Amino acid sequence: MSTKIKVVIPCDEANHVCDKTQYKDATLWEKIKLNIHLIYCRACRKYTKNNTKLTKEIKKSKVECLDKKCKESMKKDLEHAISEYSN
């Protein structure tokens, strides 16, 4: 069994770690590997920059989610409207 430490990660993994970082779920080691990847990958730097910008805008907008009862009510209304339309 090899004890090699894998530092270089592919772009799809880098993007996944970027997303995890956005929600504060990434480990320190994942963040280190992401930062190493960002040194040489322009596409992932752009993805990370856009992801960071999106996160800041969402926090700034103070978006409020609907409660569960309201969502269920809207779902029932939609299903009812679809069934009426299809009949």
N, C-alpha and C. Protein backbone atom coordinates (compact mmCIF):
# COMPACT_ATOMS: atom_id res chain seq x y z
N MET A 1 0.84 -1.18 0.00
CA MET A 1 0.00 0.00 0.00
C MET A 1 0.89 1.25 0.00
N SER A 2 0.54 2.17 -0.86
CA SER A 2 1.33 3.39 -0.99
C SER A 2 0.88 4.43 0.03
N THR A 3 1.86 5.16 0.56
CA THR A 3 1.53 6.21 1.52
C THR A 3 1.72 7.59 0.89
N LYS A 4 1.60 7.64 -0.44
CA LYS A 4 1.74 8.90 -1.15
C LYS A 4 0.63 9.86 -0.76
N ILE A 5 0.97 11.10 -0.56
CA ILE A 5 -0.03 12.11 -0.25
C ILE A 5 -0.43 12.77 -1.57
N LYS A 6 -1.73 12.74 -1.85
CA LYS A 6 -2.25 13.31 -3.09
C LYS A 6 -2.59 14.78 -2.87
N VAL A 7 -1.82 15.65 -3.51
CA VAL A 7 -2.03 17.09 -3.35
C VAL A 7 -2.75 17.65 -4.57
N VAL A 8 -2.44 17.13 -5.75
CA VAL A 8 -3.04 17.62 -6.99
C VAL A 8 -4.41 16.97 -7.16
N ILE A 9 -5.42 17.80 -7.37
CA ILE A 9 -6.78 17.29 -7.54
C ILE A 9 -7.32 17.74 -8.90
N PRO A 10 -8.26 16.96 -9.48
CA PRO A 10 -8.87 17.35 -10.75
C PRO A 10 -9.86 18.50 -10.56
N CYS A 11 -10.23 19.12 -11.65
CA CYS A 11 -11.13 20.29 -11.59
C CYS A 11 -12.48 19.98 -10.95
N ASP A 12 -13.06 18.82 -11.25
CA ASP A 12 -14.38 18.53 -10.67
C ASP A 12 -14.31 18.43 -9.15
N GLU A 13 -13.22 17.87 -8.64
CA GLU A 13 -13.06 17.80 -7.20
C GLU A 13 -12.79 19.19 -6.62
N ALA A 14 -12.03 20.00 -7.34
CA ALA A 14 -11.75 21.37 -6.89
C ALA A 14 -13.05 22.17 -6.79
N ASN A 15 -13.91 22.01 -7.78
CA ASN A 15 -15.19 22.73 -7.75
C ASN A 15 -16.07 22.24 -6.60
N HIS A 16 -16.02 20.94 -6.34
CA HIS A 16 -16.80 20.39 -5.22
C HIS A 16 -16.30 20.96 -3.89
N VAL A 17 -14.98 21.02 -3.73
CA VAL A 17 -14.40 21.58 -2.51
C VAL A 17 -14.75 23.06 -2.39
N CYS A 18 -14.74 23.75 -3.52
CA CYS A 18 -15.13 25.17 -3.53
C CYS A 18 -16.55 25.33 -2.99
N ASP A 19 -17.46 24.46 -3.46
CA ASP A 19 -18.84 24.51 -2.99
C ASP A 19 -18.92 24.19 -1.50
N LYS A 20 -18.16 23.18 -1.06
CA LYS A 20 -18.15 22.84 0.36
C LYS A 20 -17.62 24.00 1.20
N THR A 21 -16.61 24.69 0.68
CA THR A 21 -16.04 25.83 1.39
C THR A 21 -17.08 26.94 1.55
N GLN A 22 -17.89 27.11 0.51
CA GLN A 22 -18.95 28.13 0.56
C GLN A 22 -19.89 27.89 1.74
N TYR A 23 -20.15 26.62 2.06
CA TYR A 23 -21.06 26.28 3.15
C TYR A 23 -20.32 25.90 4.43
N LYS A 24 -19.02 26.18 4.45
CA LYS A 24 -18.17 25.92 5.62
C LYS A 24 -18.13 24.44 6.00
N ASP A 25 -18.13 23.56 4.99
CA ASP A 25 -18.06 22.12 5.21
C ASP A 25 -16.71 21.52 4.82
N ALA A 26 -15.83 22.30 4.24
CA ALA A 26 -14.55 21.78 3.78
C ALA A 26 -13.55 21.69 4.93
N THR A 27 -12.73 20.63 4.87
CA THR A 27 -11.69 20.47 5.88
C THR A 27 -10.49 21.36 5.52
N LEU A 28 -9.59 21.50 6.45
CA LEU A 28 -8.39 22.29 6.20
C LEU A 28 -7.59 21.68 5.05
N TRP A 29 -7.44 20.37 5.04
CA TRP A 29 -6.68 19.69 3.99
C TRP A 29 -7.33 19.92 2.62
N GLU A 30 -8.66 19.87 2.54
CA GLU A 30 -9.35 20.15 1.27
C GLU A 30 -9.09 21.57 0.81
N LYS A 31 -9.11 22.51 1.74
CA LYS A 31 -8.86 23.90 1.39
C LYS A 31 -7.43 24.10 0.88
N ILE A 32 -6.49 23.40 1.50
CA ILE A 32 -5.10 23.49 1.05
C ILE A 32 -4.97 22.95 -0.38
N LYS A 33 -5.56 21.79 -0.63
CA LYS A 33 -5.50 21.20 -1.98
C LYS A 33 -6.20 22.10 -3.00
N LEU A 34 -7.30 22.72 -2.60
CA LEU A 34 -8.01 23.63 -3.50
C LEU A 34 -7.12 24.82 -3.85
N ASN A 35 -6.48 25.40 -2.86
CA ASN A 35 -5.62 26.56 -3.11
C ASN A 35 -4.43 26.21 -3.99
N ILE A 36 -3.88 25.03 -3.83
CA ILE A 36 -2.80 24.59 -4.72
C ILE A 36 -3.34 24.45 -6.14
N HIS A 37 -4.52 23.88 -6.28
CA HIS A 37 -5.13 23.72 -7.61
C HIS A 37 -5.40 25.09 -8.26
N LEU A 38 -5.84 26.04 -7.46
CA LEU A 38 -6.16 27.37 -8.00
C LEU A 38 -4.93 28.12 -8.50
N ILE A 39 -3.76 27.74 -8.02
CA ILE A 39 -2.52 28.39 -8.49
C ILE A 39 -2.34 28.18 -9.98
N TYR A 40 -2.67 26.99 -10.47
CA TYR A 40 -2.40 26.68 -11.89
C TYR A 40 -3.64 26.54 -12.76
N CYS A 41 -4.84 26.64 -12.23
CA CYS A 41 -6.05 26.42 -13.03
C CYS A 41 -6.88 27.70 -13.12
N ARG A 42 -6.86 28.32 -14.27
CA ARG A 42 -7.58 29.57 -14.48
C ARG A 42 -9.10 29.37 -14.42
N ALA A 43 -9.58 28.25 -15.00
CA ALA A 43 -11.02 28.00 -15.02
C ALA A 43 -11.58 27.85 -13.60
N CYS A 44 -10.86 27.15 -12.75
CA CYS A 44 -11.33 26.97 -11.38
C CYS A 44 -11.21 28.25 -10.55
N ARG A 45 -10.21 29.07 -10.86
CA ARG A 45 -10.11 30.38 -10.20
C ARG A 45 -11.35 31.21 -10.53
N LYS A 46 -11.76 31.16 -11.78
CA LYS A 46 -12.95 31.91 -12.20
C LYS A 46 -14.20 31.35 -11.52
N TYR A 47 -14.31 30.02 -11.46
CA TYR A 47 -15.45 29.38 -10.79
C TYR A 47 -15.50 29.80 -9.33
N THR A 48 -14.35 29.77 -8.66
CA THR A 48 -14.28 30.15 -7.25
C THR A 48 -14.65 31.62 -7.05
N LYS A 49 -14.15 32.47 -7.93
CA LYS A 49 -14.46 33.90 -7.84
C LYS A 49 -15.97 34.13 -8.00
N ASN A 50 -16.57 33.49 -9.00
CA ASN A 50 -18.01 33.64 -9.22
C ASN A 50 -18.81 33.06 -8.06
N ASN A 51 -18.36 31.94 -7.52
CA ASN A 51 -19.05 31.32 -6.40
C ASN A 51 -19.01 32.22 -5.17
N THR A 52 -17.87 32.84 -4.92
CA THR A 52 -17.72 33.76 -3.80
C THR A 52 -18.62 34.98 -3.98
N LYS A 53 -18.65 35.49 -5.20
CA LYS A 53 -19.48 36.66 -5.49
C LYS A 53 -20.96 36.32 -5.28
N LEU A 54 -21.37 35.14 -5.75
CA LEU A 54 -22.77 34.71 -5.58
C LEU A 54 -23.13 34.58 -4.10
N THR A 55 -22.25 33.99 -3.32
CA THR A 55 -22.49 33.83 -1.89
C THR A 55 -22.66 35.18 -1.21
N LYS A 56 -21.79 36.14 -1.53
CA LYS A 56 -21.89 37.47 -0.93
C LYS A 56 -23.20 38.16 -1.31
N GLU A 57 -23.61 38.03 -2.56
CA GLU A 57 -24.85 38.67 -3.00
C GLU A 57 -26.07 38.06 -2.33
N ILE A 58 -26.06 36.74 -2.17
CA ILE A 58 -27.19 36.07 -1.51
C ILE A 58 -27.27 36.51 -0.05
N LYS A 59 -26.14 36.56 0.63
CA LYS A 59 -26.15 37.00 2.03
C LYS A 59 -26.60 38.44 2.15
N LYS A 60 -26.16 39.27 1.21
CA LYS A 60 -26.51 40.69 1.24
C LYS A 60 -28.00 40.90 0.98
N SER A 61 -28.60 40.04 0.16
CA SER A 61 -30.00 40.22 -0.22
C SER A 61 -30.97 39.83 0.89
N LYS A 62 -30.48 39.08 1.88
CA LYS A 62 -31.31 38.64 3.00
C LYS A 62 -32.56 37.90 2.51
N VAL A 63 -32.36 36.93 1.64
CA VAL A 63 -33.44 36.12 1.09
C VAL A 63 -34.08 35.31 2.21
N GLU A 64 -35.40 35.28 2.22
CA GLU A 64 -36.13 34.49 3.20
C GLU A 64 -36.82 33.34 2.49
N CYS A 65 -36.69 32.15 3.04
CA CYS A 65 -37.31 30.97 2.44
C CYS A 65 -38.73 30.80 2.97
N LEU A 66 -39.54 30.13 2.17
CA LEU A 66 -40.90 29.84 2.59
C LEU A 66 -40.89 28.74 3.63
N ASP A 67 -41.87 28.76 4.53
CA ASP A 67 -41.94 27.68 5.50
C ASP A 67 -42.54 26.43 4.84
N LYS A 68 -42.43 25.31 5.51
CA LYS A 68 -42.83 24.02 4.95
C LYS A 68 -44.33 23.99 4.60
N LYS A 69 -45.17 24.56 5.44
CA LYS A 69 -46.61 24.54 5.18
C LYS A 69 -46.95 25.31 3.91
N CYS A 70 -46.32 26.44 3.73
CA CYS A 70 -46.56 27.25 2.54
C CYS A 70 -46.12 26.50 1.28
N LYS A 71 -44.96 25.84 1.34
CA LYS A 71 -44.46 25.07 0.20
C LYS A 71 -45.43 23.94 -0.15
N GLU A 72 -45.91 23.24 0.87
CA GLU A 72 -46.85 22.13 0.64
C GLU A 72 -48.14 22.64 0.01
N SER A 73 -48.62 23.78 0.49
CA SER A 73 -49.83 24.38 -0.06
C SER A 73 -49.63 24.75 -1.53
N MET A 74 -48.50 25.35 -1.84
CA MET A 74 -48.21 25.71 -3.23
C MET A 74 -48.09 24.47 -4.11
N LYS A 75 -47.49 23.41 -3.58
CA LYS A 75 -47.35 22.16 -4.32
C LYS A 75 -48.72 21.56 -4.64
N LYS A 76 -49.60 21.55 -3.66
CA LYS A 76 -50.95 21.03 -3.88
C LYS A 76 -51.70 21.86 -4.91
N ASP A 77 -51.58 23.18 -4.81
CA ASP A 77 -52.24 24.07 -5.78
C ASP A 77 -51.71 23.82 -7.20
N LEU A 78 -50.42 23.64 -7.32
CA LEU A 78 -49.81 23.38 -8.62
C LEU A 78 -50.28 22.04 -9.18
N GLU A 79 -50.26 21.01 -8.35
CA GLU A 79 -50.71 19.69 -8.80
C GLU A 79 -52.19 19.74 -9.22
N HIS A 80 -52.98 20.47 -8.49
CA HIS A 80 -54.40 20.62 -8.82
C HIS A 80 -54.56 21.33 -10.16
N ALA A 81 -53.83 22.40 -10.36
CA ALA A 81 -53.89 23.16 -11.61
C ALA A 81 -53.43 22.30 -12.78
N ILE A 82 -52.40 21.51 -12.58
CA ILE A 82 -51.90 20.63 -13.66
C ILE A 82 -52.93 19.56 -13.99
N SER A 83 -53.55 18.98 -12.97
CA SER A 83 -54.55 17.94 -13.24
C SER A 83 -55.78 18.52 -13.94
N GLU A 84 -56.18 19.74 -13.58
CA GLU A 84 -57.31 20.38 -14.27
C GLU A 84 -56.95 20.69 -15.73
N TYR A 85 -55.76 21.13 -15.95
CA TYR A 85 -55.32 21.48 -17.31
C TYR A 85 -55.21 20.25 -18.20
N SER A 86 -54.74 19.14 -17.63
CA SER A 86 -54.55 17.93 -18.44
C SER A 86 -55.84 17.19 -18.69
N ASN A 87 -56.90 17.48 -17.96
CA ASN A 87 -58.22 16.80 -18.17
C ASN A 87 -59.05 17.50 -19.16
